[in-house]
């Protein structure tokens, strides 16, 4: 059942308060982030999904840097595999290590 639209007032700094009923219904909390866009002349706020605190490491700058490097390696085809088994993978990397040792590239 649709509820009657709520009115909100914009203050001088551009802040708009989301009505309490809507905050409670959507379980919004102070500090939540929103994607903000304009669609057909209307302002649309979309709450961003909350991140699990136990997965905060994934969003660290260090980890994201590694993700970007991995994405670039994949785009540049600097990857190995897929391998049919762990043994096949071990053999591949042992051969690669041997090749590097022969060239003296420790």
PDB file of N, CA and C in Angstrom:
ATOM      1  N   UNK A   1       0.840  -1.175   0.000  1.00  0.00           N
ATOM      2  CA  UNK A   1       0.000   0.000   0.000  1.00  0.00           C
ATOM      3  C   UNK A   1       0.888   1.241   0.000  1.00  0.00           C
ATOM      4  N   UNK A   2       0.737   2.104  -0.974  1.00  0.00           N
ATOM      5  CA  UNK A   2       1.538   3.316  -1.088  1.00  0.00           C
ATOM      6  C   UNK A   2       1.101   4.318  -0.035  1.00  0.00           C
ATOM      7  N   UNK A   3       2.072   4.979   0.528  1.00  0.00           N
ATOM      8  CA  UNK A   3       1.788   5.993   1.535  1.00  0.00           C
ATOM      9  C   UNK A   3       1.812   7.365   0.883  1.00  0.00           C
ATOM     10  N   UNK A   4       1.179   8.317   1.518  1.00  0.00           N
ATOM     11  CA  UNK A   4       1.139   9.681   0.998  1.00  0.00           C
ATOM     12  C   UNK A   4       2.554  10.251   0.951  1.00  0.00           C
ATOM     13  N   UNK A   5       2.876  11.010  -0.095  1.00  0.00           N
ATOM     14  CA  UNK A   5       4.194  11.618  -0.192  1.00  0.00           C
ATOM     15  C   UNK A   5       4.449  12.531   1.002  1.00  0.00           C
ATOM     16  N   UNK A   6       5.684  12.634   1.400  1.00  0.00           N
ATOM     17  CA  UNK A   6       6.100  13.507   2.485  1.00  0.00           C
ATOM     18  C   UNK A   6       6.788  14.719   1.894  1.00  0.00           C
ATOM     19  N   UNK A   7       6.706  15.841   2.590  1.00  0.00           N
ATOM     20  CA  UNK A   7       7.362  17.068   2.158  1.00  0.00           C
ATOM     21  C   UNK A   7       8.603  17.280   3.009  1.00  0.00           C
ATOM     22  N   UNK A   8       9.685  17.693   2.374  1.00  0.00           N
ATOM     23  CA  UNK A   8      10.915  18.023   3.086  1.00  0.00           C
ATOM     24  C   UNK A   8      11.371  19.392   2.606  1.00  0.00           C
ATOM     25  N   UNK A   9      11.994  20.144   3.489  1.00  0.00           N
ATOM     26  CA  UNK A   9      12.427  21.497   3.164  1.00  0.00           C
ATOM     27  C   UNK A   9      13.945  21.537   3.067  1.00  0.00           C
ATOM     28  N   UNK A  10      14.445  22.224   2.038  1.00  0.00           N
ATOM     29  CA  UNK A  10      15.885  22.375   1.883  1.00  0.00           C
ATOM     30  C   UNK A  10      16.338  23.614   2.642  1.00  0.00           C
ATOM     31  N   UNK A  11      17.385  23.459   3.426  1.00  0.00           N
ATOM     32  CA  UNK A  11      17.963  24.580   4.163  1.00  0.00           C
ATOM     33  C   UNK A  11      18.950  25.351   3.306  1.00  0.00           C
ATOM     34  N   UNK A  12      19.527  26.397   3.879  1.00  0.00           N
ATOM     35  CA  UNK A  12      20.462  27.260   3.145  1.00  0.00           C
ATOM     36  C   UNK A  12      21.680  26.516   2.617  1.00  0.00           C
ATOM     37  N   UNK A  13      22.144  25.534   3.353  1.00  0.00           N
ATOM     38  CA  UNK A  13      23.350  24.806   2.927  1.00  0.00           C
ATOM     39  C   UNK A  13      23.034  23.679   1.942  1.00  0.00           C
ATOM     40  N   UNK A  14      21.767  23.555   1.552  1.00  0.00           N
ATOM     41  CA  UNK A  14      21.389  22.517   0.594  1.00  0.00           C
ATOM     42  C   UNK A  14      20.991  21.211   1.248  1.00  0.00           C
ATOM     43  N   UNK A  15      20.953  21.178   2.567  1.00  0.00           N
ATOM     44  CA  UNK A  15      20.588  19.941   3.273  1.00  0.00           C
ATOM     45  C   UNK A  15      19.079  19.733   3.293  1.00  0.00           C
ATOM     46  N   UNK A  16      18.691  18.480   3.097  1.00  0.00           N
ATOM     47  CA  UNK A  16      17.287  18.094   3.151  1.00  0.00           C
ATOM     48  C   UNK A  16      17.180  16.956   4.164  1.00  0.00           C
ATOM     49  N   UNK A  17      16.228  17.040   5.048  1.00  0.00           N
ATOM     50  CA  UNK A  17      16.024  15.983   6.042  1.00  0.00           C
ATOM     51  C   UNK A  17      15.045  14.961   5.493  1.00  0.00           C
ATOM     52  N   UNK A  18      15.445  13.707   5.538  1.00  0.00           N
ATOM     53  CA  UNK A  18      14.561  12.622   5.108  1.00  0.00           C
ATOM     54  C   UNK A  18      13.574  12.377   6.256  1.00  0.00           C
ATOM     55  N   UNK A  19      12.279  12.386   5.976  1.00  0.00           N
ATOM     56  CA  UNK A  19      11.297  12.198   7.045  1.00  0.00           C
ATOM     57  C   UNK A  19      11.550  10.928   7.854  1.00  0.00           C
ATOM     58  N   UNK A  20      11.302  11.028   9.157  1.00  0.00           N
ATOM     59  CA  UNK A  20      11.555   9.932  10.099  1.00  0.00           C
ATOM     60  C   UNK A  20      10.901   8.618   9.662  1.00  0.00           C
ATOM     61  N   UNK A  21       9.649   8.682   9.205  1.00  0.00           N
ATOM     62  CA  UNK A  21       8.933   7.467   8.795  1.00  0.00           C
ATOM     63  C   UNK A  21       9.694   6.727   7.690  1.00  0.00           C
ATOM     64  N   UNK A  22      10.243   7.478   6.751  1.00  0.00           N
ATOM     65  CA  UNK A  22      10.987   6.867   5.644  1.00  0.00           C
ATOM     66  C   UNK A  22      12.321   6.315   6.151  1.00  0.00           C
ATOM     67  N   UNK A  23      13.014   7.078   7.013  1.00  0.00           N
ATOM     68  CA  UNK A  23      14.285   6.591   7.578  1.00  0.00           C
ATOM     69  C   UNK A  23      14.077   5.283   8.313  1.00  0.00           C
ATOM     70  N   UNK A  24      13.008   5.218   9.103  1.00  0.00           N
ATOM     71  CA  UNK A  24      12.736   3.991   9.863  1.00  0.00           C
ATOM     72  C   UNK A  24      12.364   2.833   8.952  1.00  0.00           C
ATOM     73  N   UNK A  25      11.512   3.100   7.963  1.00  0.00           N
ATOM     74  CA  UNK A  25      11.074   2.033   7.059  1.00  0.00           C
ATOM     75  C   UNK A  25      12.233   1.445   6.276  1.00  0.00           C
ATOM     76  N   UNK A  26      13.200   2.296   5.895  1.00  0.00           N
ATOM     77  CA  UNK A  26      14.353   1.830   5.118  1.00  0.00           C
ATOM     78  C   UNK A  26      15.576   1.523   5.984  1.00  0.00           C
ATOM     79  N   UNK A  27      15.413   1.636   7.305  1.00  0.00           N
ATOM     80  CA  UNK A  27      16.500   1.358   8.257  1.00  0.00           C
ATOM     81  C   UNK A  27      17.734   2.215   7.965  1.00  0.00           C
ATOM     82  N   UNK A  28      17.505   3.493   7.675  1.00  0.00           N
ATOM     83  CA  UNK A  28      18.601   4.414   7.397  1.00  0.00           C
ATOM     84  C   UNK A  28      19.167   4.935   8.705  1.00  0.00           C
ATOM     85  N   UNK A  29      20.483   5.137   8.717  1.00  0.00           N
ATOM     86  CA  UNK A  29      21.170   5.606   9.916  1.00  0.00           C
ATOM     87  C   UNK A  29      22.061   6.781   9.564  1.00  0.00           C
ATOM     88  N   UNK A  30      22.364   7.644  10.558  1.00  0.00           N
ATOM     89  CA  UNK A  30      23.296   8.751  10.293  1.00  0.00           C
ATOM     90  C   UNK A  30      24.604   8.217   9.718  1.00  0.00           C
ATOM     91  N   UNK A  31      25.106   8.892   8.713  1.00  0.00           N
ATOM     92  CA  UNK A  31      26.348   8.475   8.070  1.00  0.00           C
ATOM     93  C   UNK A  31      26.150   7.597   6.845  1.00  0.00           C
ATOM     94  N   UNK A  32      24.930   7.093   6.626  1.00  0.00           N
ATOM     95  CA  UNK A  32      24.678   6.290   5.426  1.00  0.00           C
ATOM     96  C   UNK A  32      24.937   7.145   4.186  1.00  0.00           C
ATOM     97  N   UNK A  33      25.411   6.505   3.142  1.00  0.00           N
ATOM     98  CA  UNK A  33      25.712   7.193   1.891  1.00  0.00           C
ATOM     99  C   UNK A  33      24.609   6.928   0.867  1.00  0.00           C
ATOM    100  N   UNK A  34      24.442   7.887  -0.052  1.00  0.00           N
ATOM    101  CA  UNK A  34      23.416   7.775  -1.086  1.00  0.00           C
ATOM    102  C   UNK A  34      24.021   8.108  -2.441  1.00  0.00           C
ATOM    103  N   UNK A  35      23.580   7.409  -3.469  1.00  0.00           N
ATOM    104  CA  UNK A  35      23.851   7.825  -4.837  1.00  0.00           C
ATOM    105  C   UNK A  35      22.799   8.873  -5.146  1.00  0.00           C
ATOM    106  N   UNK A  36      23.203   9.978  -5.749  1.00  0.00           N
ATOM    107  CA  UNK A  36      22.276  11.069  -6.047  1.00  0.00           C
ATOM    108  C   UNK A  36      22.305  11.303  -7.551  1.00  0.00           C
ATOM    109  N   UNK A  37      21.134  11.278  -8.177  1.00  0.00           N
ATOM    110  CA  UNK A  37      21.068  11.508  -9.618  1.00  0.00           C
ATOM    111  C   UNK A  37      19.769  12.228  -9.952  1.00  0.00           C
ATOM    112  N   UNK A  38      19.728  12.759 -11.160  1.00  0.00           N
ATOM    113  CA  UNK A  38      18.530  13.429 -11.650  1.00  0.00           C
ATOM    114  C   UNK A  38      17.925  12.545 -12.730  1.00  0.00           C
ATOM    115  N   UNK A  39      16.643  12.260 -12.596  1.00  0.00           N
ATOM    116  CA  UNK A  39      15.912  11.461 -13.582  1.00  0.00           C
ATOM    117  C   UNK A  39      14.640  12.216 -13.961  1.00  0.00           C
ATOM    118  N   UNK A  40      14.551  12.598 -15.215  1.00  0.00           N
ATOM    119  CA  UNK A  40      13.364  13.286 -15.733  1.00  0.00           C
ATOM    120  C   UNK A  40      12.967  14.466 -14.847  1.00  0.00           C
ATOM    121  N   UNK A  41      13.972  15.262 -14.470  1.00  0.00           N
ATOM    122  CA  UNK A  41      13.714  16.458 -13.681  1.00  0.00           C
ATOM    123  C   UNK A  41      13.468  16.213 -12.197  1.00  0.00           C
ATOM    124  N   UNK A  42      13.678  14.976 -11.733  1.00  0.00           N
ATOM    125  CA  UNK A  42      13.477  14.657 -10.326  1.00  0.00           C
ATOM    126  C   UNK A  42      14.802  14.248  -9.692  1.00  0.00           C
ATOM    127  N   UNK A  43      14.979  14.610  -8.428  1.00  0.00           N
ATOM    128  CA  UNK A  43      16.152  14.180  -7.676  1.00  0.00           C
ATOM    129  C   UNK A  43      15.869  12.801  -7.113  1.00  0.00           C
ATOM    130  N   UNK A  44      16.769  11.861  -7.377  1.00  0.00           N
ATOM    131  CA  UNK A  44      16.583  10.494  -6.890  1.00  0.00           C
ATOM    132  C   UNK A  44      17.749  10.167  -5.958  1.00  0.00           C
ATOM    133  N   UNK A  45      17.436   9.745  -4.725  1.00  0.00           N
ATOM    134  CA  UNK A  45      18.434   9.310  -3.754  1.00  0.00           C
ATOM    135  C   UNK A  45      18.329   7.796  -3.623  1.00  0.00           C
ATOM    136  N   UNK A  46      19.446   7.101  -3.797  1.00  0.00           N
ATOM    137  CA  UNK A  46      19.451   5.648  -3.672  1.00  0.00           C
ATOM    138  C   UNK A  46      20.464   5.279  -2.599  1.00  0.00           C
ATOM    139  N   UNK A  47      20.006   4.672  -1.482  1.00  0.00           N
ATOM    140  CA  UNK A  47      20.954   4.297  -0.434  1.00  0.00           C
ATOM    141  C   UNK A  47      21.974   3.298  -0.978  1.00  0.00           C
ATOM    142  N   UNK A  48      23.249   3.540  -0.664  1.00  0.00           N
ATOM    143  CA  UNK A  48      24.279   2.573  -1.039  1.00  0.00           C
ATOM    144  C   UNK A  48      24.172   1.377  -0.100  1.00  0.00           C
ATOM    145  N   UNK A  49      24.493   0.217  -0.621  1.00  0.00           N
ATOM    146  CA  UNK A  49      24.468  -0.980   0.213  1.00  0.00           C
ATOM    147  C   UNK A  49      25.494  -0.822   1.333  1.00  0.00           C
ATOM    148  N   UNK A  50      25.122  -1.245   2.507  1.00  0.00           N
ATOM    149  CA  UNK A  50      26.044  -1.185   3.640  1.00  0.00           C
ATOM    150  C   UNK A  50      27.101  -2.266   3.479  1.00  0.00           C
ATOM    151  N   UNK A  51      28.312  -1.943   3.909  1.00  0.00           N
ATOM    152  CA  UNK A  51      29.403  -2.913   3.827  1.00  0.00           C
ATOM    153  C   UNK A  51      29.518  -3.663   5.141  1.00  0.00           C
ATOM    154  N   UNK A  52      29.754  -4.945   5.021  1.00  0.00           N
ATOM    155  CA  UNK A  52      29.972  -5.785   6.192  1.00  0.00           C
ATOM    156  C   UNK A  52      31.296  -5.370   6.827  1.00  0.00           C
ATOM    157  N   UNK A  53      31.305  -4.980   8.118  1.00  0.00           N
ATOM    158  CA  UNK A  53      32.549  -4.551   8.761  1.00  0.00           C
ATOM    159  C   UNK A  53      33.655  -5.599   8.693  1.00  0.00           C
ATOM    160  N   UNK A  54      33.280  -6.870   8.631  1.00  0.00           N
ATOM    161  CA  UNK A  54      34.296  -7.922   8.550  1.00  0.00           C
ATOM    162  C   UNK A  54      34.955  -7.969   7.170  1.00  0.00           C
ATOM    163  N   UNK A  55      34.394  -7.240   6.203  1.00  0.00           N
ATOM    164  CA  UNK A  55      34.991  -7.207   4.874  1.00  0.00           C
ATOM    165  C   UNK A  55      35.609  -5.848   4.563  1.00  0.00           C
ATOM    166  N   UNK A  56      35.834  -5.047   5.603  1.00  0.00           N
ATOM    167  CA  UNK A  56      36.406  -3.711   5.415  1.00  0.00           C
ATOM    168  C   UNK A  56      37.782  -3.782   4.767  1.00  0.00           C
ATOM    169  N   UNK A  57      38.549  -4.837   5.018  1.00  0.00           N
ATOM    170  CA  UNK A  57      39.886  -4.983   4.438  1.00  0.00           C
ATOM    171  C   UNK A  57      39.831  -4.882   2.912  1.00  0.00           C
ATOM    172  N   UNK A  58      38.752  -5.421   2.314  1.00  0.00           N
ATOM    173  CA  UNK A  58      38.650  -5.423   0.852  1.00  0.00           C
ATOM    174  C   UNK A  58      38.596  -4.007   0.304  1.00  0.00           C
ATOM    175  N   UNK A  59      38.035  -3.075   1.074  1.00  0.00           N
ATOM    176  CA  UNK A  59      37.854  -1.708   0.607  1.00  0.00           C
ATOM    177  C   UNK A  59      39.014  -0.797   0.998  1.00  0.00           C
ATOM    178  N   UNK A  60      40.058  -1.354   1.634  1.00  0.00           N
ATOM    179  CA  UNK A  60      41.214  -0.536   1.989  1.00  0.00           C
ATOM    180  C   UNK A  60      41.929  -0.092   0.710  1.00  0.00           C
ATOM    181  N   UNK A  61      42.609   1.049   0.769  1.00  0.00           N
ATOM    182  CA  UNK A  61      43.315   1.564  -0.415  1.00  0.00           C
ATOM    183  C   UNK A  61      44.370   0.570  -0.898  1.00  0.00           C
ATOM    184  N   UNK A  62      45.073  -0.060   0.036  1.00  0.00           N
ATOM    185  CA  UNK A  62      46.111  -1.036  -0.338  1.00  0.00           C
ATOM    186  C   UNK A  62      45.512  -2.199  -1.131  1.00  0.00           C
ATOM    187  N   UNK A  63      44.399  -2.756  -0.640  1.00  0.00           N
ATOM    188  CA  UNK A  63      43.784  -3.891  -1.331  1.00  0.00           C
ATOM    189  C   UNK A  63      43.232  -3.460  -2.691  1.00  0.00           C
ATOM    190  N   UNK A  64      42.579  -2.296  -2.737  1.00  0.00           N
ATOM    191  CA  UNK A  64      42.013  -1.814  -3.996  1.00  0.00           C
ATOM    192  C   UNK A  64      43.105  -1.539  -5.024  1.00  0.00           C
ATOM    193  N   UNK A  65      44.281  -1.074  -4.568  1.00  0.00           N
ATOM    194  CA  UNK A  65      45.414  -0.888  -5.481  1.00  0.00           C
ATOM    195  C   UNK A  65      45.791  -2.229  -6.108  1.00  0.00           C
ATOM    196  N   UNK A  66      45.867  -3.278  -5.290  1.00  0.00           N
ATOM    197  CA  UNK A  66      46.164  -4.615  -5.799  1.00  0.00           C
ATOM    198  C   UNK A  66      45.101  -5.100  -6.777  1.00  0.00           C
ATOM    199  N   UNK A  67      43.835  -4.790  -6.493  1.00  0.00           N
ATOM    200  CA  UNK A  67      42.747  -5.165  -7.399  1.00  0.00           C
ATOM    201  C   UNK A  67      42.910  -4.480  -8.756  1.00  0.00           C
ATOM    202  N   UNK A  68      43.278  -3.184  -8.722  1.00  0.00           N
ATOM    203  CA  UNK A  68      43.478  -2.460  -9.984  1.00  0.00           C
ATOM    204  C   UNK A  68      44.656  -3.045 -10.763  1.00  0.00           C
ATOM    205  N   UNK A  69      45.739  -3.401 -10.061  1.00  0.00           N
ATOM    206  CA  UNK A  69      46.893  -4.018 -10.723  1.00  0.00           C
ATOM    207  C   UNK A  69      46.506  -5.369 -11.328  1.00  0.00           C
ATOM    208  N   UNK A  70      45.742  -6.156 -10.595  1.00  0.00           N
ATOM    209  CA  UNK A  70      45.299  -7.457 -11.107  1.00  0.00           C
ATOM    210  C   UNK A  70      44.415  -7.282 -12.342  1.00  0.00           C
ATOM    211  N   UNK A  71      43.510  -6.298 -12.293  1.00  0.00           N
ATOM    212  CA  UNK A  71      42.648  -6.038 -13.459  1.00  0.00           C
ATOM    213  C   UNK A  71      43.493  -5.664 -14.672  1.00  0.00           C
ATOM    214  N   UNK A  72      44.527  -4.850 -14.464  1.00  0.00           N
ATOM    215  CA  UNK A  72      45.400  -4.455 -15.566  1.00  0.00           C
ATOM    216  C   UNK A  72      46.168  -5.670 -16.105  1.00  0.00           C
ATOM    217  N   UNK A  73      46.652  -6.535 -15.221  1.00  0.00           N
ATOM    218  CA  UNK A  73      47.339  -7.753 -15.657  1.00  0.00           C
ATOM    219  C   UNK A  73      46.412  -8.629 -16.493  1.00  0.00           C
ATOM    220  N   UNK A  74      45.169  -8.737 -16.087  1.00  0.00           N
ATOM    221  CA  UNK A  74      44.208  -9.545 -16.849  1.00  0.00           C
ATOM    222  C   UNK A  74      43.974  -8.931 -18.222  1.00  0.00           C
ATOM    223  N   UNK A  75      43.782  -7.598 -18.271  1.00  0.00           N
ATOM    224  CA  UNK A  75      43.571  -6.924 -19.566  1.00  0.00           C
ATOM    225  C   UNK A  75      44.780  -7.090 -20.477  1.00  0.00           C
ATOM    226  N   UNK A  76      46.000  -7.098 -19.896  1.00  0.00           N
ATOM    227  CA  UNK A  76      47.233  -7.203 -20.688  1.00  0.00           C
ATOM    228  C   UNK A  76      47.627  -8.664 -20.925  1.00  0.00           C
ATOM    229  N   UNK A  77      46.775  -9.596 -20.511  1.00  0.00           N
ATOM    230  CA  UNK A  77      47.014 -11.031 -20.677  1.00  0.00           C
ATOM    231  C   UNK A  77      48.298 -11.481 -19.974  1.00  0.00           C
ATOM    232  N   UNK A  78      48.579 -10.909 -18.799  1.00  0.00           N
ATOM    233  CA  UNK A  78      49.718 -11.335 -17.990  1.00  0.00           C
ATOM    234  C   UNK A  78      49.213 -12.262 -16.883  1.00  0.00           C
ATOM    235  N   UNK A  79      48.599 -13.358 -17.302  1.00  0.00           N
ATOM    236  CA  UNK A  79      48.038 -14.319 -16.351  1.00  0.00           C
ATOM    237  C   UNK A  79      48.440 -15.730 -16.749  1.00  0.00           C
ATOM    238  N   UNK A  80      48.311 -16.659 -15.822  1.00  0.00           N
ATOM    239  CA  UNK A  80      48.616 -18.066 -16.068  1.00  0.00           C
ATOM    240  C   UNK A  80      47.357 -18.881 -15.812  1.00  0.00           C
ATOM    241  N   UNK A  81      47.266 -20.038 -16.495  1.00  0.00           N
ATOM    242  CA  UNK A  81      46.148 -20.917 -16.246  1.00  0.00           C
ATOM    243  C   UNK A  81      45.052 -20.704 -17.275  1.00  0.00           C
ATOM    244  N   UNK A  82      43.926 -21.321 -17.075  1.00  0.00           N
ATOM    245  CA  UNK A  82      43.564 -22.120 -15.903  1.00  0.00           C
ATOM    246  C   UNK A  82      44.279 -23.465 -15.902  1.00  0.00           C
ATOM    247  N   UNK A  83      44.402 -24.030 -14.717  1.00  0.00           N
ATOM    248  CA  UNK A  83      45.065 -25.311 -14.536  1.00  0.00           C
ATOM    249  C   UNK A  83      44.026 -26.369 -14.217  1.00  0.00           C
ATOM    250  N   UNK A  84      44.292 -27.593 -14.661  1.00  0.00           N
ATOM    251  CA  UNK A  84      43.359 -28.706 -14.429  1.00  0.00           C
ATOM    252  C   UNK A  84      43.462 -29.240 -13.011  1.00  0.00           C
ATOM    253  N   UNK A  85      44.620 -29.024 -12.381  1.00  0.00           N
ATOM    254  CA  UNK A  85      44.814 -29.546 -11.029  1.00  0.00           C
ATOM    255  C   UNK A  85      45.884 -28.718 -10.323  1.00  0.00           C
ATOM    256  N   UNK A  86      45.981 -28.929  -9.040  1.00  0.00           N
ATOM    257  CA  UNK A  86      47.022 -28.257  -8.255  1.00  0.00           C
ATOM    258  C   UNK A  86      48.389 -28.743  -8.725  1.00  0.00           C
ATOM    259  N   UNK A  87      48.487 -30.007  -9.028  1.00  0.00           N
ATOM    260  CA  UNK A  87      49.770 -30.555  -9.500  1.00  0.00           C
ATOM    261  C   UNK A  87      50.212 -29.884 -10.797  1.00  0.00           C
ATOM    262  N   UNK A  88      49.276 -29.693 -11.725  1.00  0.00           N
ATOM    263  CA  UNK A  88      49.601 -29.015 -12.982  1.00  0.00           C
ATOM    264  C   UNK A  88      50.081 -27.594 -12.711  1.00  0.00           C
ATOM    265  N   UNK A  89      49.458 -26.921 -11.770  1.00  0.00           N
ATOM    266  CA  UNK A  89      49.874 -25.566 -11.421  1.00  0.00           C
ATOM    267  C   UNK A  89      51.277 -25.578 -10.821  1.00  0.00           C
ATOM    268  N   UNK A  90      51.535 -26.503  -9.905  1.00  0.00           N
ATOM    269  CA  UNK A  90      52.865 -26.597  -9.286  1.00  0.00           C
ATOM    270  C   UNK A  90      53.940 -26.849 -10.342  1.00  0.00           C
ATOM    271  N   UNK A  91      53.657 -27.744 -11.258  1.00  0.00           N
ATOM    272  CA  UNK A  91      54.616 -28.053 -12.322  1.00  0.00           C
ATOM    273  C   UNK A  91      54.890 -26.822 -13.183  1.00  0.00           C
ATOM    274  N   UNK A  92      53.850 -26.083 -13.507  1.00  0.00           N
ATOM    275  CA  UNK A  92      54.009 -24.872 -14.312  1.00  0.00           C
ATOM    276  C   UNK A  92      54.935 -23.876 -13.617  1.00  0.00           C
ATOM    277  N   UNK A  93      54.676 -23.627 -12.338  1.00  0.00           N
ATOM    278  CA  UNK A  93      55.483 -22.625 -11.638  1.00  0.00           C
ATOM    279  C   UNK A  93      56.890 -23.129 -11.334  1.00  0.00           C
ATOM    280  N   UNK A  94      57.069 -24.414 -11.159  1.00  0.00           N
ATOM    281  CA  UNK A  94      58.416 -24.958 -10.980  1.00  0.00           C
ATOM    282  C   UNK A  94      59.222 -24.791 -12.275  1.00  0.00           C
ATOM    283  N   UNK A  95      58.585 -25.069 -13.418  1.00  0.00           N
ATOM    284  CA  UNK A  95      59.266 -24.886 -14.705  1.00  0.00           C
ATOM    285  C   UNK A  95      59.611 -23.410 -14.919  1.00  0.00           C
ATOM    286  N   UNK A  96      58.726 -22.529 -14.554  1.00  0.00           N
ATOM    287  CA  UNK A  96      58.977 -21.093 -14.673  1.00  0.00           C
ATOM    288  C   UNK A  96      60.137 -20.679 -13.763  1.00  0.00           C
ATOM    289  N   UNK A  97      60.147 -21.190 -12.544  1.00  0.00           N
ATOM    290  CA  UNK A  97      61.237 -20.889 -11.608  1.00  0.00           C
ATOM    291  C   UNK A  97      62.565 -21.406 -12.162  1.00  0.00           C
ATOM    292  N   UNK A  98      62.570 -22.616 -12.728  1.00  0.00           N
ATOM    293  CA  UNK A  98      63.787 -23.190 -13.313  1.00  0.00           C
ATOM    294  C   UNK A  98      64.282 -22.327 -14.480  1.00  0.00           C
ATOM    295  N   UNK A  99      63.355 -21.892 -15.303  1.00  0.00           N
ATOM    296  CA  UNK A  99      63.715 -21.042 -16.446  1.00  0.00           C
ATOM    297  C   UNK A  99      64.345 -19.721 -15.991  1.00  0.00           C
ATOM    298  N   UNK A 100      63.802 -19.139 -14.983  1.00  0.00           N
ATOM    299  CA  UNK A 100      64.344 -17.886 -14.454  1.00  0.00           C
ATOM    300  C   UNK A 100      65.731 -18.125 -13.855  1.00  0.00           C
ATOM    301  N   UNK A 101      65.898 -19.232 -13.145  1.00  0.00           N
ATOM    302  CA  UNK A 101      67.200 -19.556 -12.543  1.00  0.00           C
ATOM    303  C   UNK A 101      68.254 -19.772 -13.617  1.00  0.00           C
ATOM    304  N   UNK A 102      67.892 -20.420 -14.717  1.00  0.00           N
ATOM    305  CA  UNK A 102      68.839 -20.657 -15.822  1.00  0.00           C
ATOM    306  C   UNK A 102      69.318 -19.352 -16.431  1.00  0.00           C
ATOM    307  N   UNK A 103      68.433 -18.373 -16.482  1.00  0.00           N
ATOM    308  CA  UNK A 103      68.804 -17.062 -17.034  1.00  0.00           C
ATOM    309  C   UNK A 103      69.544 -16.214 -16.023  1.00  0.00           C
ATOM    310  N   UNK A 104      69.598 -16.662 -14.770  1.00  0.00           N
ATOM    311  CA  UNK A 104      70.273 -15.901 -13.729  1.00  0.00           C
ATOM    312  C   UNK A 104      69.506 -14.677 -13.288  1.00  0.00           C
ATOM    313  N   UNK A 105      68.188 -14.734 -13.317  1.00  0.00           N
ATOM    314  CA  UNK A 105      67.339 -13.618 -12.943  1.00  0.00           C
ATOM    315  C   UNK A 105      66.746 -13.787 -11.552  1.00  0.00           C
ATOM    316  N   UNK A 106      67.536 -14.112 -10.581  1.00  0.00           N
ATOM    317  CA  UNK A 106      67.028 -14.355  -9.223  1.00  0.00           C
ATOM    318  C   UNK A 106      66.224 -13.241  -8.757  1.00  0.00           C
TER     319      UNK A 106
END
